[in-house]
Structure formats: C-alpha cells, structure tokens
Amino acid sequence: MPIPSSERAAFRALSQATARDWREPFRGHRYFSDTEYFCERYDQNSFDPDYPTLPLAAFEPIVMRFFQGPPPLRTLPLHGMPL
C-alpha cells in the first residue's frame, strides 16, 4: 500500500530537520559548504519516491563494458604523491 504524499512530506521535513541538527558540529570544517551544497542539490533529491528511475538491469550493459575494458589510467596524484 503506497504511503500518502502528505505523510511522505512530513517524514521528509522531519528527516531534513534532524539532518541539519546532526551536521551542525561540522560547520566550519573546510569541506562543510561543499558537502552541504552536494546534499541539497543531489543527495536529498535522490530520496523522492515519485522520481522516475530506470531499473538496475538498464545499467548492466554499461557496467559490463566498463569492466571488460582496460583498467582506467590514474590521472590524479593520491594525497599529494607524484604520479
């Protein structure tokens, strides 16, 4: 049985308020604003149950092609180490 939209909206509002409380101790961290931007722009939107999505099977050919090819080249240094 689907959850009525009013209940979904109430749950979303509660979870967003709780998330704001949990993130406050991290305010001032150098990556806080980047993380906040990502969550508001992308992460939070991914929880919309009415958003149209593709089934996982639609991504299988892409994943199979990726893993059948050569390993990707490392292009960025890890932790400031030279390539």
C-alpha atoms as a PDB file:
ATOM      1  CA  MET A   1       0.000   0.000   0.000  1.00  0.00           C
ATOM      2  CA  PRO A   2       1.577   3.340  -1.019  1.00  0.00           C
ATOM      3  CA  ILE A   3       2.280   5.953   1.608  1.00  0.00           C
ATOM      4  CA  PRO A   4       0.115   9.083   1.143  1.00  0.00           C
ATOM      5  CA  SER A   5       2.050  12.091  -0.142  1.00  0.00           C
ATOM      6  CA  SER A   6       1.207  14.146   2.974  1.00  0.00           C
ATOM      7  CA  GLU A   7       2.886  11.521   5.168  1.00  0.00           C
ATOM      8  CA  ARG A   8       5.908  11.369   2.858  1.00  0.00           C
ATOM      9  CA  ALA A   9       6.207  15.160   3.013  1.00  0.00           C
ATOM     10  CA  ALA A  10       6.016  15.127   6.813  1.00  0.00           C
ATOM     11  CA  PHE A  11       8.691  12.427   7.039  1.00  0.00           C
ATOM     12  CA  ARG A  12      10.936  14.330   4.612  1.00  0.00           C
ATOM     13  CA  ALA A  13      10.579  17.545   6.628  1.00  0.00           C
ATOM     14  CA  LEU A  14      11.400  15.716   9.868  1.00  0.00           C
ATOM     15  CA  SER A  15      14.410  13.937   8.383  1.00  0.00           C
ATOM     16  CA  GLN A  16      15.754  17.184   6.900  1.00  0.00           C
ATOM     17  CA  ALA A  17      15.401  18.966  10.255  1.00  0.00           C
ATOM     18  CA  THR A  18      17.191  16.096  12.030  1.00  0.00           C
ATOM     19  CA  ALA A  19      19.956  16.079   9.427  1.00  0.00           C
ATOM     20  CA  ARG A  20      20.524  19.808   9.981  1.00  0.00           C
ATOM     21  CA  ASP A  21      20.958  19.181  13.724  1.00  0.00           C
ATOM     22  CA  TRP A  22      23.431  16.365  13.117  1.00  0.00           C
ATOM     23  CA  ARG A  23      25.557  18.378  10.722  1.00  0.00           C
ATOM     24  CA  GLU A  24      25.968  21.457  12.914  1.00  0.00           C
ATOM     25  CA  PRO A  25      29.013  20.159  14.844  1.00  0.00           C
ATOM     26  CA  PHE A  26      30.838  20.004  11.493  1.00  0.00           C
ATOM     27  CA  ARG A  27      30.095  23.606  10.493  1.00  0.00           C
ATOM     28  CA  GLY A  28      33.395  25.361   9.989  1.00  0.00           C
ATOM     29  CA  HIS A  29      35.144  22.317   8.526  1.00  0.00           C
ATOM     30  CA  ARG A  30      36.811  23.208   5.249  1.00  0.00           C
ATOM     31  CA  TYR A  31      34.581  20.817   3.253  1.00  0.00           C
ATOM     32  CA  PHE A  32      31.331  21.667   5.039  1.00  0.00           C
ATOM     33  CA  SER A  33      29.957  24.050   2.418  1.00  0.00           C
ATOM     34  CA  ASP A  34      30.854  21.707  -0.451  1.00  0.00           C
ATOM     35  CA  THR A  35      29.119  18.807   1.302  1.00  0.00           C
ATOM     36  CA  GLU A  36      26.110  20.951   2.153  1.00  0.00           C
ATOM     37  CA  TYR A  37      25.817  22.029  -1.489  1.00  0.00           C
ATOM     38  CA  PHE A  38      26.063  18.434  -2.740  1.00  0.00           C
ATOM     39  CA  CYS A  39      23.441  17.157  -0.293  1.00  0.00           C
ATOM     40  CA  GLU A  40      20.954  19.914  -1.065  1.00  0.00           C
ATOM     41  CA  ARG A  41      21.487  19.725  -4.819  1.00  0.00           C
ATOM     42  CA  TYR A  42      21.856  15.994  -5.429  1.00  0.00           C
ATOM     43  CA  ASP A  43      21.660  13.694  -2.412  1.00  0.00           C
ATOM     44  CA  GLN A  44      18.367  14.850  -0.919  1.00  0.00           C
ATOM     45  CA  ASN A  45      16.649  14.728  -4.306  1.00  0.00           C
ATOM     46  CA  SER A  46      17.514  11.060  -4.696  1.00  0.00           C
ATOM     47  CA  PHE A  47      15.040  10.117  -1.966  1.00  0.00           C
ATOM     48  CA  ASP A  48      11.936  11.220  -3.884  1.00  0.00           C
ATOM     49  CA  PRO A  49       9.849   8.036  -4.256  1.00  0.00           C
ATOM     50  CA  ASP A  50       7.895   9.562  -7.153  1.00  0.00           C
ATOM     51  CA  TYR A  51      11.014  10.368  -9.213  1.00  0.00           C
ATOM     52  CA  PRO A  52      11.108   8.283 -12.407  1.00  0.00           C
ATOM     53  CA  THR A  53      14.035   5.851 -12.353  1.00  0.00           C
ATOM     54  CA  LEU A  54      15.395   3.142 -14.604  1.00  0.00           C
ATOM     55  CA  PRO A  55      15.603  -0.434 -13.391  1.00  0.00           C
ATOM     56  CA  LEU A  56      19.083  -1.690 -12.449  1.00  0.00           C
ATOM     57  CA  ALA A  57      19.067  -4.007 -15.467  1.00  0.00           C
ATOM     58  CA  ALA A  58      19.253  -0.908 -17.695  1.00  0.00           C
ATOM     59  CA  PHE A  59      22.746  -0.183 -16.350  1.00  0.00           C
ATOM     60  CA  GLU A  60      24.103  -3.729 -16.686  1.00  0.00           C
ATOM     61  CA  PRO A  61      25.475  -3.273 -20.247  1.00  0.00           C
ATOM     62  CA  ILE A  62      27.303  -0.114 -19.183  1.00  0.00           C
ATOM     63  CA  VAL A  63      28.868  -1.823 -16.171  1.00  0.00           C
ATOM     64  CA  MET A  64      29.843  -4.879 -18.228  1.00  0.00           C
ATOM     65  CA  ARG A  65      31.528  -2.694 -20.894  1.00  0.00           C
ATOM     66  CA  PHE A  66      33.419  -0.814 -18.206  1.00  0.00           C
ATOM     67  CA  PHE A  67      34.825  -3.938 -16.586  1.00  0.00           C
ATOM     68  CA  GLN A  68      35.650  -5.643 -19.895  1.00  0.00           C
ATOM     69  CA  GLY A  69      37.967  -2.821 -20.945  1.00  0.00           C
ATOM     70  CA  PRO A  70      41.459  -1.989 -19.725  1.00  0.00           C
ATOM     71  CA  PRO A  71      41.812  -0.521 -16.242  1.00  0.00           C
ATOM     72  CA  PRO A  72      41.380   3.269 -16.184  1.00  0.00           C
ATOM     73  CA  LEU A  73      44.557   5.311 -16.103  1.00  0.00           C
ATOM     74  CA  ARG A  74      45.349   7.048 -12.868  1.00  0.00           C
ATOM     75  CA  THR A  75      45.431  10.733 -13.702  1.00  0.00           C
ATOM     76  CA  LEU A  76      45.331  12.412 -10.303  1.00  0.00           C
ATOM     77  CA  PRO A  77      48.005  12.128  -7.619  1.00  0.00           C
ATOM     78  CA  LEU A  78      46.936  10.383  -4.412  1.00  0.00           C
ATOM     79  CA  HIS A  79      47.417  12.517  -1.287  1.00  0.00           C
ATOM     80  CA  GLY A  80      49.899  14.825  -2.964  1.00  0.00           C
ATOM     81  CA  MET A  81      52.143  11.987  -4.185  1.00  0.00           C
ATOM     82  CA  PRO A  82      53.644  12.351  -7.659  1.00  0.00           C
ATOM     83  CA  LEU A  83      52.341  10.134 -10.462  1.00  0.00           C
END
